[in-house]
Full PDB file with SEQRES, HELIX, SHEET, SSBOND, CRYST1, ORIGX, SCALE, CONECT and MASTER records, all heavy atoms in Angstrom:
SEQRES   1 A   39  ARG HIS ALA ASN ARG PRO LEU ALA GLU GLN SER GLY ALA          
SEQRES   2 A   39  PHE ALA SER THR LEU ALA ALA TYR GLN GLY SER HIS PRO          
SEQRES   3 A   39  GLN ARG ASP ASP ILE THR ILE VAL CYS PHE ARG PHE ALA          
HELIX    1 AA1 LEU A    7  GLN A   22  1                                  16    
CRYST1    1.000    1.000    1.000  90.00  90.00  90.00 P 1           1          
ORIGX1      1.000000  0.000000  0.000000        0.00000                         
ORIGX2      0.000000  1.000000  0.000000        0.00000                         
ORIGX3      0.000000  0.000000  1.000000        0.00000                         
SCALE1      1.000000  0.000000  0.000000        0.00000                         
SCALE2      0.000000  1.000000  0.000000        0.00000                         
SCALE3      0.000000  0.000000  1.000000        0.00000                         
ATOM      1  N   ARG A   1      18.521  -1.068  -0.612  1.00  0.00           N  
ATOM      2  CA  ARG A   1      18.678   0.377  -0.714  1.00  0.00           C  
ATOM      3  C   ARG A   1      18.079   1.110   0.486  1.00  0.00           C  
ATOM      4  O   ARG A   1      18.558   2.180   0.872  1.00  0.00           O  
ATOM      5  CB  ARG A   1      18.047   0.871  -2.019  1.00  0.00           C  
ATOM      6  CG  ARG A   1      18.338   2.335  -2.307  1.00  0.00           C  
ATOM      7  CD  ARG A   1      18.008   2.689  -3.742  1.00  0.00           C  
ATOM      8  NE  ARG A   1      16.618   2.478  -4.056  1.00  0.00           N  
ATOM      9  CZ  ARG A   1      16.163   1.519  -4.857  1.00  0.00           C  
ATOM     10  NH1 ARG A   1      17.016   0.664  -5.408  1.00  0.00           N  
ATOM     11  NH2 ARG A   1      14.878   1.379  -5.114  1.00  0.00           N  
ATOM     12  N   HIS A   2      17.012   0.553   1.091  1.00  0.00           N  
ATOM     13  CA  HIS A   2      16.287   1.306   2.117  1.00  0.00           C  
ATOM     14  C   HIS A   2      16.295   0.629   3.489  1.00  0.00           C  
ATOM     15  O   HIS A   2      15.666   1.145   4.422  1.00  0.00           O  
ATOM     16  CB  HIS A   2      14.829   1.504   1.691  1.00  0.00           C  
ATOM     17  CG  HIS A   2      14.667   2.225   0.394  1.00  0.00           C  
ATOM     18  ND1 HIS A   2      15.039   3.536   0.208  1.00  0.00           N  
ATOM     19  CD2 HIS A   2      14.180   1.802  -0.808  1.00  0.00           C  
ATOM     20  CE1 HIS A   2      14.781   3.906  -1.030  1.00  0.00           C  
ATOM     21  NE2 HIS A   2      14.270   2.863  -1.681  1.00  0.00           N  
ATOM     22  N   ALA A   3      16.966  -0.511   3.674  1.00  0.00           N  
ATOM     23  CA  ALA A   3      16.843  -1.283   4.918  1.00  0.00           C  
ATOM     24  C   ALA A   3      17.334  -0.514   6.146  1.00  0.00           C  
ATOM     25  O   ALA A   3      16.828  -0.715   7.254  1.00  0.00           O  
ATOM     26  CB  ALA A   3      17.592  -2.608   4.788  1.00  0.00           C  
ATOM     27  N   ASN A   4      18.331   0.339   6.009  1.00  0.00           N  
ATOM     28  CA  ASN A   4      18.888   1.061   7.161  1.00  0.00           C  
ATOM     29  C   ASN A   4      18.106   2.317   7.525  1.00  0.00           C  
ATOM     30  O   ASN A   4      18.433   2.994   8.505  1.00  0.00           O  
ATOM     31  CB  ASN A   4      20.342   1.426   6.894  1.00  0.00           C  
ATOM     32  CG  ASN A   4      21.246   0.196   6.909  1.00  0.00           C  
ATOM     33  OD1 ASN A   4      20.967  -0.764   7.624  1.00  0.00           O  
ATOM     34  ND2 ASN A   4      22.311   0.221   6.116  1.00  0.00           N  
ATOM     35  N   ARG A   5      17.123   2.675   6.751  1.00  0.00           N  
ATOM     36  CA  ARG A   5      16.328   3.878   7.029  1.00  0.00           C  
ATOM     37  C   ARG A   5      15.305   3.585   8.117  1.00  0.00           C  
ATOM     38  O   ARG A   5      14.905   2.422   8.335  1.00  0.00           O  
ATOM     39  CB  ARG A   5      15.624   4.354   5.761  1.00  0.00           C  
ATOM     40  CG  ARG A   5      16.587   4.671   4.624  1.00  0.00           C  
ATOM     41  CD  ARG A   5      15.842   5.048   3.365  1.00  0.00           C  
ATOM     42  NE  ARG A   5      15.132   6.309   3.513  1.00  0.00           N  
ATOM     43  CZ  ARG A   5      14.462   6.889   2.515  1.00  0.00           C  
ATOM     44  NH1 ARG A   5      14.431   6.303   1.311  1.00  0.00           N  
ATOM     45  NH2 ARG A   5      13.851   8.027   2.709  1.00  0.00           N  
ATOM     46  N   PRO A   6      14.826   4.592   8.824  1.00  0.00           N  
ATOM     47  CA  PRO A   6      13.731   4.374   9.783  1.00  0.00           C  
ATOM     48  C   PRO A   6      12.535   3.754   9.066  1.00  0.00           C  
ATOM     49  O   PRO A   6      12.276   4.032   7.895  1.00  0.00           O  
ATOM     50  CB  PRO A   6      13.424   5.789  10.295  1.00  0.00           C  
ATOM     51  CG  PRO A   6      14.690   6.552  10.070  1.00  0.00           C  
ATOM     52  CD  PRO A   6      15.314   5.988   8.845  1.00  0.00           C  
ATOM     53  N   LEU A   7      11.804   2.901   9.807  1.00  0.00           N  
ATOM     54  CA  LEU A   7      10.717   2.160   9.161  1.00  0.00           C  
ATOM     55  C   LEU A   7       9.631   3.085   8.635  1.00  0.00           C  
ATOM     56  O   LEU A   7       8.996   2.787   7.623  1.00  0.00           O  
ATOM     57  CB  LEU A   7      10.134   1.141  10.143  1.00  0.00           C  
ATOM     58  CG  LEU A   7      11.103   0.064  10.635  1.00  0.00           C  
ATOM     59  CD1 LEU A   7      10.350  -1.039  11.351  1.00  0.00           C  
ATOM     60  CD2 LEU A   7      11.906  -0.513   9.476  1.00  0.00           C  
ATOM     61  N   ALA A   8       9.371   4.191   9.284  1.00  0.00           N  
ATOM     62  CA  ALA A   8       8.353   5.129   8.797  1.00  0.00           C  
ATOM     63  C   ALA A   8       8.740   5.679   7.426  1.00  0.00           C  
ATOM     64  O   ALA A   8       7.890   5.874   6.557  1.00  0.00           O  
ATOM     65  CB  ALA A   8       8.166   6.263   9.797  1.00  0.00           C  
ATOM     66  N   GLU A   9      10.062   5.924   7.241  1.00  0.00           N  
ATOM     67  CA  GLU A   9      10.520   6.403   5.937  1.00  0.00           C  
ATOM     68  C   GLU A   9      10.507   5.283   4.896  1.00  0.00           C  
ATOM     69  O   GLU A   9      10.283   5.523   3.712  1.00  0.00           O  
ATOM     70  CB  GLU A   9      11.929   6.981   6.063  1.00  0.00           C  
ATOM     71  CG  GLU A   9      12.014   8.206   6.950  1.00  0.00           C  
ATOM     72  CD  GLU A   9      13.436   8.740   7.016  1.00  0.00           C  
ATOM     73  OE1 GLU A   9      14.303   8.225   6.275  1.00  0.00           O  
ATOM     74  OE2 GLU A   9      13.686   9.672   7.809  1.00  0.00           O  
ATOM     75  N   GLN A  10      10.777   4.041   5.341  1.00  0.00           N  
ATOM     76  CA  GLN A  10      10.762   2.927   4.395  1.00  0.00           C  
ATOM     77  C   GLN A  10       9.388   2.751   3.756  1.00  0.00           C  
ATOM     78  O   GLN A  10       9.275   2.441   2.571  1.00  0.00           O  
ATOM     79  CB  GLN A  10      11.168   1.628   5.101  1.00  0.00           C  
ATOM     80  CG  GLN A  10      12.650   1.541   5.418  1.00  0.00           C  
ATOM     81  CD  GLN A  10      13.045   0.138   5.837  1.00  0.00           C  
ATOM     82  OE1 GLN A  10      12.544  -0.841   5.285  1.00  0.00           O  
ATOM     83  NE2 GLN A  10      13.958   0.045   6.821  1.00  0.00           N  
ATOM     84  N   SER A  11       8.340   2.941   4.531  1.00  0.00           N  
ATOM     85  CA  SER A  11       6.988   2.788   3.979  1.00  0.00           C  
ATOM     86  C   SER A  11       6.764   3.735   2.804  1.00  0.00           C  
ATOM     87  O   SER A  11       6.301   3.337   1.734  1.00  0.00           O  
ATOM     88  CB  SER A  11       5.949   3.043   5.071  1.00  0.00           C  
ATOM     89  OG  SER A  11       4.642   2.988   4.535  1.00  0.00           O  
ATOM     90  N   GLY A  12       7.124   5.009   2.995  1.00  0.00           N  
ATOM     91  CA  GLY A  12       6.973   5.972   1.911  1.00  0.00           C  
ATOM     92  C   GLY A  12       7.894   5.665   0.745  1.00  0.00           C  
ATOM     93  O   GLY A  12       7.525   5.829  -0.427  1.00  0.00           O  
ATOM     94  N   ALA A  13       9.135   5.202   1.040  1.00  0.00           N  
ATOM     95  CA  ALA A  13      10.076   4.881  -0.032  1.00  0.00           C  
ATOM     96  C   ALA A  13       9.574   3.710  -0.864  1.00  0.00           C  
ATOM     97  O   ALA A  13       9.686   3.707  -2.097  1.00  0.00           O  
ATOM     98  CB  ALA A  13      11.450   4.573   0.567  1.00  0.00           C  
ATOM     99  N   PHE A  14       9.012   2.668  -0.204  1.00  0.00           N  
ATOM    100  CA  PHE A  14       8.489   1.513  -0.945  1.00  0.00           C  
ATOM    101  C   PHE A  14       7.332   1.943  -1.840  1.00  0.00           C  
ATOM    102  O   PHE A  14       7.229   1.529  -3.000  1.00  0.00           O  
ATOM    103  CB  PHE A  14       8.016   0.435   0.023  1.00  0.00           C  
ATOM    104  CG  PHE A  14       9.140  -0.330   0.677  1.00  0.00           C  
ATOM    105  CD1 PHE A  14      10.455   0.113   0.595  1.00  0.00           C  
ATOM    106  CD2 PHE A  14       8.882  -1.490   1.381  1.00  0.00           C  
ATOM    107  CE1 PHE A  14      11.481  -0.587   1.197  1.00  0.00           C  
ATOM    108  CE2 PHE A  14       9.902  -2.199   1.980  1.00  0.00           C  
ATOM    109  CZ  PHE A  14      11.210  -1.742   1.897  1.00  0.00           C  
ATOM    110  N   ALA A  15       6.426   2.763  -1.295  1.00  0.00           N  
ATOM    111  CA  ALA A  15       5.271   3.213  -2.079  1.00  0.00           C  
ATOM    112  C   ALA A  15       5.726   4.041  -3.278  1.00  0.00           C  
ATOM    113  O   ALA A  15       5.200   3.895  -4.395  1.00  0.00           O  
ATOM    114  CB  ALA A  15       4.315   4.014  -1.207  1.00  0.00           C  
ATOM    115  N   SER A  16       6.726   4.910  -3.081  1.00  0.00           N  
ATOM    116  CA  SER A  16       7.222   5.736  -4.184  1.00  0.00           C  
ATOM    117  C   SER A  16       7.912   4.893  -5.240  1.00  0.00           C  
ATOM    118  O   SER A  16       7.748   5.118  -6.448  1.00  0.00           O  
ATOM    119  CB  SER A  16       8.187   6.799  -3.642  1.00  0.00           C  
ATOM    120  OG  SER A  16       7.554   7.643  -2.723  1.00  0.00           O  
ATOM    121  N   THR A  17       8.688   3.898  -4.814  1.00  0.00           N  
ATOM    122  CA  THR A  17       9.378   3.021  -5.771  1.00  0.00           C  
ATOM    123  C   THR A  17       8.373   2.267  -6.629  1.00  0.00           C  
ATOM    124  O   THR A  17       8.523   2.165  -7.853  1.00  0.00           O  
ATOM    125  CB  THR A  17      10.279   2.033  -5.019  1.00  0.00           C  
ATOM    126  OG1 THR A  17      11.227   2.758  -4.241  1.00  0.00           O  
ATOM    127  CG2 THR A  17      11.008   1.127  -6.000  1.00  0.00           C  
ATOM    128  N   LEU A  18       7.333   1.729  -5.971  1.00  0.00           N  
ATOM    129  CA  LEU A  18       6.316   0.994  -6.735  1.00  0.00           C  
ATOM    130  C   LEU A  18       5.561   1.918  -7.681  1.00  0.00           C  
ATOM    131  O   LEU A  18       5.299   1.562  -8.837  1.00  0.00           O  
ATOM    132  CB  LEU A  18       5.340   0.307  -5.779  1.00  0.00           C  
ATOM    133  CG  LEU A  18       4.234  -0.521  -6.448  1.00  0.00           C  
ATOM    134  CD1 LEU A  18       4.850  -1.677  -7.233  1.00  0.00           C  
ATOM    135  CD2 LEU A  18       3.246  -1.048  -5.414  1.00  0.00           C  
ATOM    136  N   ALA A  19       5.213   3.124  -7.235  1.00  0.00           N  
ATOM    137  CA  ALA A  19       4.468   4.060  -8.090  1.00  0.00           C  
ATOM    138  C   ALA A  19       5.300   4.468  -9.302  1.00  0.00           C  
ATOM    139  O   ALA A  19       4.776   4.576 -10.417  1.00  0.00           O  
ATOM    140  CB  ALA A  19       4.064   5.288  -7.283  1.00  0.00           C  
ATOM    141  N   ALA A  20       6.600   4.696  -9.111  1.00  0.00           N  
ATOM    142  CA  ALA A  20       7.461   5.077 -10.233  1.00  0.00           C  
ATOM    143  C   ALA A  20       7.551   3.955 -11.256  1.00  0.00           C  
ATOM    144  O   ALA A  20       7.556   4.196 -12.469  1.00  0.00           O  
ATOM    145  CB  ALA A  20       8.851   5.450  -9.721  1.00  0.00           C  
ATOM    146  N   TYR A  21       7.627   2.701 -10.792  1.00  0.00           N  
ATOM    147  CA  TYR A  21       7.705   1.578 -11.730  1.00  0.00           C  
ATOM    148  C   TYR A  21       6.353   1.328 -12.409  1.00  0.00           C  
ATOM    149  O   TYR A  21       6.282   1.034 -13.589  1.00  0.00           O  
ATOM    150  CB  TYR A  21       8.142   0.315 -10.989  1.00  0.00           C  
ATOM    151  CG  TYR A  21       8.249  -0.895 -11.890  1.00  0.00           C  
ATOM    152  CD1 TYR A  21       9.329  -1.054 -12.755  1.00  0.00           C  
ATOM    153  CD2 TYR A  21       7.253  -1.868 -11.900  1.00  0.00           C  
ATOM    154  CE1 TYR A  21       9.424  -2.148 -13.596  1.00  0.00           C  
ATOM    155  CE2 TYR A  21       7.343  -2.971 -12.738  1.00  0.00           C  
ATOM    156  CZ  TYR A  21       8.432  -3.104 -13.586  1.00  0.00           C  
ATOM    157  OH  TYR A  21       8.514  -4.183 -14.430  1.00  0.00           O  
ATOM    158  N   GLN A  22       5.271   1.468 -11.614  1.00  0.00           N  
ATOM    159  CA  GLN A  22       3.935   1.176 -12.146  1.00  0.00           C  
ATOM    160  C   GLN A  22       3.535   2.138 -13.248  1.00  0.00           C  
ATOM    161  O   GLN A  22       2.951   1.732 -14.251  1.00  0.00           O  
ATOM    162  CB  GLN A  22       2.914   1.228 -11.008  1.00  0.00           C  
ATOM    163  CG  GLN A  22       1.474   0.965 -11.435  1.00  0.00           C  
ATOM    164  CD  GLN A  22       0.531   0.983 -10.234  1.00  0.00           C  
ATOM    165  OE1 GLN A  22       0.954   0.950  -9.088  1.00  0.00           O  
ATOM    166  NE2 GLN A  22      -0.756   1.043 -10.505  1.00  0.00           N  
ATOM    167  N   GLY A  23       3.841   3.405 -13.101  1.00  0.00           N  
ATOM    168  CA  GLY A  23       3.488   4.380 -14.126  1.00  0.00           C  
ATOM    169  C   GLY A  23       1.980   4.444 -14.343  1.00  0.00           C  
ATOM    170  O   GLY A  23       1.193   4.577 -13.409  1.00  0.00           O  
ATOM    171  N   SER A  24       1.562   4.317 -15.614  1.00  0.00           N  
ATOM    172  CA  SER A  24       0.144   4.412 -15.972  1.00  0.00           C  
ATOM    173  C   SER A  24      -0.563   3.067 -15.955  1.00  0.00           C  
ATOM    174  O   SER A  24      -1.755   2.992 -16.270  1.00  0.00           O  
ATOM    175  CB  SER A  24       0.005   5.031 -17.367  1.00  0.00           C  
ATOM    176  OG  SER A  24       0.671   4.223 -18.343  1.00  0.00           O  
ATOM    177  N   HIS A  25       0.148   1.996 -15.606  1.00  0.00           N  
ATOM    178  CA  HIS A  25      -0.490   0.679 -15.569  1.00  0.00           C  
ATOM    179  C   HIS A  25      -1.447   0.592 -14.379  1.00  0.00           C  
ATOM    180  O   HIS A  25      -1.146   1.090 -13.287  1.00  0.00           O  
ATOM    181  CB  HIS A  25       0.560  -0.428 -15.463  1.00  0.00           C  
ATOM    182  CG  HIS A  25       1.426  -0.547 -16.677  1.00  0.00           C  
ATOM    183  ND1 HIS A  25       1.083  -1.329 -17.767  1.00  0.00           N  
ATOM    184  CD2 HIS A  25       2.605   0.023 -16.998  1.00  0.00           C  
ATOM    185  CE1 HIS A  25       2.028  -1.231 -18.682  1.00  0.00           C  
ATOM    186  NE2 HIS A  25       2.970  -0.420 -18.242  1.00  0.00           N  
ATOM    187  N   PRO A  26      -2.581  -0.072 -14.540  1.00  0.00           N  
ATOM    188  CA  PRO A  26      -3.518  -0.196 -13.416  1.00  0.00           C  
ATOM    189  C   PRO A  26      -2.995  -1.170 -12.369  1.00  0.00           C  
ATOM    190  O   PRO A  26      -2.186  -2.051 -12.663  1.00  0.00           O  
ATOM    191  CB  PRO A  26      -4.794  -0.735 -14.086  1.00  0.00           C  
ATOM    192  CG  PRO A  26      -4.301  -1.473 -15.296  1.00  0.00           C  
ATOM    193  CD  PRO A  26      -3.100  -0.701 -15.778  1.00  0.00           C  
ATOM    194  N   GLN A  27      -3.467  -1.002 -11.121  1.00  0.00           N  
ATOM    195  CA  GLN A  27      -3.079  -1.935 -10.061  1.00  0.00           C  
ATOM    196  C   GLN A  27      -3.679  -3.290 -10.365  1.00  0.00           C  
ATOM    197  O   GLN A  27      -4.881  -3.439 -10.591  1.00  0.00           O  
ATOM    198  CB  GLN A  27      -3.545  -1.427  -8.696  1.00  0.00           C  
ATOM    199  CG  GLN A  27      -3.102  -2.312  -7.529  1.00  0.00           C  
ATOM    200  CD  GLN A  27      -3.427  -1.698  -6.191  1.00  0.00           C  
ATOM    201  OE1 GLN A  27      -3.565  -0.495  -6.058  1.00  0.00           O  
ATOM    202  NE2 GLN A  27      -3.559  -2.538  -5.160  1.00  0.00           N  
ATOM    203  N   ARG A  28      -2.850  -4.338 -10.354  1.00  0.00           N  
ATOM    204  CA  ARG A  28      -3.275  -5.677 -10.776  1.00  0.00           C  
ATOM    205  C   ARG A  28      -3.864  -6.485  -9.626  1.00  0.00           C  
ATOM    206  O   ARG A  28      -4.763  -7.291  -9.820  1.00  0.00           O  
ATOM    207  CB  ARG A  28      -2.073  -6.419 -11.364  1.00  0.00           C  
ATOM    208  CG  ARG A  28      -2.343  -7.844 -11.791  1.00  0.00           C  
ATOM    209  CD  ARG A  28      -1.096  -8.496 -12.338  1.00  0.00           C  
ATOM    210  NE  ARG A  28      -0.707  -7.900 -13.611  1.00  0.00           N  
ATOM    211  CZ  ARG A  28       0.386  -8.255 -14.283  1.00  0.00           C  
ATOM    212  NH1 ARG A  28       1.194  -9.187 -13.798  1.00  0.00           N  
ATOM    213  NH2 ARG A  28       0.681  -7.673 -15.440  1.00  0.00           N  
ATOM    214  N   ASP A  29      -3.377  -6.314  -8.397  1.00  0.00           N  
ATOM    215  CA  ASP A  29      -3.778  -7.174  -7.278  1.00  0.00           C  
ATOM    216  C   ASP A  29      -3.737  -6.346  -5.996  1.00  0.00           C  
ATOM    217  O   ASP A  29      -3.209  -5.232  -5.959  1.00  0.00           O  
ATOM    218  CB  ASP A  29      -2.805  -8.365  -7.194  1.00  0.00           C  
ATOM    219  CG  ASP A  29      -3.362  -9.517  -6.354  1.00  0.00           C  
ATOM    220  OD1 ASP A  29      -4.461  -9.367  -5.805  1.00  0.00           O  
ATOM    221  OD2 ASP A  29      -2.684 -10.554  -6.232  1.00  0.00           O  
ATOM    222  N   ASP A  30      -4.310  -6.922  -4.924  1.00  0.00           N  
ATOM    223  CA  ASP A  30      -4.187  -6.295  -3.607  1.00  0.00           C  
ATOM    224  C   ASP A  30      -2.724  -6.359  -3.166  1.00  0.00           C  
ATOM    225  O   ASP A  30      -2.019  -7.343  -3.432  1.00  0.00           O  
ATOM    226  CB  ASP A  30      -5.074  -7.020  -2.595  1.00  0.00           C  
ATOM    227  CG  ASP A  30      -6.532  -7.039  -3.034  1.00  0.00           C  
ATOM    228  OD1 ASP A  30      -6.981  -6.030  -3.585  1.00  0.00           O  
ATOM    229  OD2 ASP A  30      -7.203  -8.064  -2.828  1.00  0.00           O  
ATOM    230  N   ILE A  31      -2.261  -5.315  -2.463  1.00  0.00           N  
ATOM    231  CA  ILE A  31      -0.859  -5.208  -2.057  1.00  0.00           C  
ATOM    232  C   ILE A  31      -0.789  -5.057  -0.537  1.00  0.00           C  
ATOM    233  O   ILE A  31      -1.483  -4.206   0.041  1.00  0.00           O  
ATOM    234  CB  ILE A  31      -0.181  -3.999  -2.739  1.00  0.00           C  
ATOM    235  CG1 ILE A  31      -0.136  -4.207  -4.258  1.00  0.00           C  
ATOM    236  CG2 ILE A  31       1.214  -3.780  -2.186  1.00  0.00           C  
ATOM    237  CD1 ILE A  31       0.359  -2.991  -5.011  1.00  0.00           C  
ATOM    238  N   THR A  32       0.045  -5.907   0.083  1.00  0.00           N  
ATOM    239  CA  THR A  32       0.232  -5.825   1.539  1.00  0.00           C  
ATOM    240  C   THR A  32       1.697  -6.116   1.871  1.00  0.00           C  
ATOM    241  O   THR A  32       2.261  -7.103   1.374  1.00  0.00           O  
ATOM    242  CB  THR A  32      -0.669  -6.834   2.275  1.00  0.00           C  
ATOM    243  OG1 THR A  32      -2.030  -6.585   1.942  1.00  0.00           O  
ATOM    244  CG2 THR A  32      -0.472  -6.702   3.787  1.00  0.00           C  
ATOM    245  N   ILE A  33       2.318  -5.252   2.684  1.00  0.00           N  
ATOM    246  CA  ILE A  33       3.661  -5.482   3.221  1.00  0.00           C  
ATOM    247  C   ILE A  33       3.616  -5.184   4.720  1.00  0.00           C  
ATOM    248  O   ILE A  33       3.113  -4.134   5.144  1.00  0.00           O  
ATOM    249  CB  ILE A  33       4.717  -4.585   2.552  1.00  0.00           C  
ATOM    250  CG1 ILE A  33       4.861  -4.927   1.069  1.00  0.00           C  
ATOM    251  CG2 ILE A  33       6.068  -4.752   3.245  1.00  0.00           C  
ATOM    252  CD1 ILE A  33       5.898  -4.080   0.359  1.00  0.00           C  
ATOM    253  N   VAL A  34       4.133  -6.121   5.521  1.00  0.00           N  
ATOM    254  CA  VAL A  34       4.303  -5.909   6.969  1.00  0.00           C  
ATOM    255  C   VAL A  34       5.794  -5.976   7.262  1.00  0.00           C  
ATOM    256  O   VAL A  34       6.462  -6.962   6.911  1.00  0.00           O  
ATOM    257  CB  VAL A  34       3.529  -6.959   7.785  1.00  0.00           C  
ATOM    258  CG1 VAL A  34       3.880  -6.834   9.263  1.00  0.00           C  
ATOM    259  CG2 VAL A  34       2.034  -6.795   7.566  1.00  0.00           C  
ATOM    260  N   CYS A  35       6.322  -4.937   7.890  1.00  0.00           N  
ATOM    261  CA  CYS A  35       7.753  -4.853   8.209  1.00  0.00           C  
ATOM    262  C   CYS A  35       7.912  -4.641   9.715  1.00  0.00           C  
ATOM    263  O   CYS A  35       7.154  -3.876  10.325  1.00  0.00           O  
ATOM    264  CB  CYS A  35       8.379  -3.700   7.430  1.00  0.00           C  
ATOM    265  SG  CYS A  35      10.074  -3.324   7.921  1.00  0.00           S  
ATOM    266  N   PHE A  36       8.915  -5.334  10.320  1.00  0.00           N  
ATOM    267  CA  PHE A  36       9.150  -5.147  11.758  1.00  0.00           C  
ATOM    268  C   PHE A  36      10.633  -5.289  12.052  1.00  0.00           C  
ATOM    269  O   PHE A  36      11.391  -5.923  11.309  1.00  0.00           O  
ATOM    270  CB  PHE A  36       8.328  -6.133  12.591  1.00  0.00           C  
ATOM    271  CG  PHE A  36       8.612  -7.576  12.293  1.00  0.00           C  
ATOM    272  CD1 PHE A  36       9.574  -8.288  12.992  1.00  0.00           C  
ATOM    273  CD2 PHE A  36       7.893  -8.244  11.290  1.00  0.00           C  
ATOM    274  CE1 PHE A  36       9.809  -9.613  12.727  1.00  0.00           C  
ATOM    275  CE2 PHE A  36       8.133  -9.578  11.022  1.00  0.00           C  
ATOM    276  CZ  PHE A  36       9.099 -10.275  11.732  1.00  0.00           C  
ATOM    277  N   ARG A  37      11.022  -4.680  13.160  1.00  0.00           N  
ATOM    278  CA  ARG A  37      12.428  -4.684  13.589  1.00  0.00           C  
ATOM    279  C   ARG A  37      12.434  -4.626  15.123  1.00  0.00           C  
ATOM    280  O   ARG A  37      11.641  -3.894  15.729  1.00  0.00           O  
ATOM    281  CB  ARG A  37      13.154  -3.486  13.002  1.00  0.00           C  
ATOM    282  CG  ARG A  37      14.611  -3.350  13.435  1.00  0.00           C  
ATOM    283  CD  ARG A  37      15.149  -1.979  13.073  1.00  0.00           C  
ATOM    284  NE  ARG A  37      15.162  -1.756  11.631  1.00  0.00           N  
ATOM    285  CZ  ARG A  37      15.308  -0.554  11.069  1.00  0.00           C  
ATOM    286  NH1 ARG A  37      15.422   0.522  11.851  1.00  0.00           N  
ATOM    287  NH2 ARG A  37      15.313  -0.425   9.774  1.00  0.00           N  
ATOM    288  N   PHE A  38      13.306  -5.432  15.744  1.00  0.00           N  
ATOM    289  CA  PHE A  38      13.416  -5.435  17.208  1.00  0.00           C  
ATOM    290  C   PHE A  38      14.863  -5.128  17.591  1.00  0.00           C  
ATOM    291  O   PHE A  38      15.800  -5.806  17.133  1.00  0.00           O  
ATOM    292  CB  PHE A  38      13.010  -6.790  17.796  1.00  0.00           C  
ATOM    293  CG  PHE A  38      11.533  -7.025  17.760  1.00  0.00           C  
ATOM    294  CD1 PHE A  38      10.943  -7.583  16.626  1.00  0.00           C  
ATOM    295  CD2 PHE A  38      10.721  -6.679  18.825  1.00  0.00           C  
ATOM    296  CE1 PHE A  38       9.598  -7.803  16.565  1.00  0.00           C  
ATOM    297  CE2 PHE A  38       9.362  -6.901  18.772  1.00  0.00           C  
ATOM    298  CZ  PHE A  38       8.783  -7.449  17.647  1.00  0.00           C  
ATOM    299  N   ALA A  39      15.056  -4.103  18.411  1.00  0.00           N  
ATOM    300  CA  ALA A  39      16.412  -3.687  18.797  1.00  0.00           C  
ATOM    301  C   ALA A  39      17.002  -4.684  19.788  1.00  0.00           C  
ATOM    302  O   ALA A  39      16.285  -5.379  20.504  1.00  0.00           O  
ATOM    303  CB  ALA A  39      16.360  -2.293  19.411  1.00  0.00           C  
TER     304      ALA A  39                                                      
MASTER        0    0    0    1    0    0    0    6  303    1    0    3          
END                                                                             
């Protein structure tokens, strides 16, 4: 859904998607994502 968006926007989109799914549940583990693209 978000791969074609600029990477700066993808970061916010991923965080929003996770927050919407998580709801009131507490964070279970440390979370790390590294994304890169080379033209």
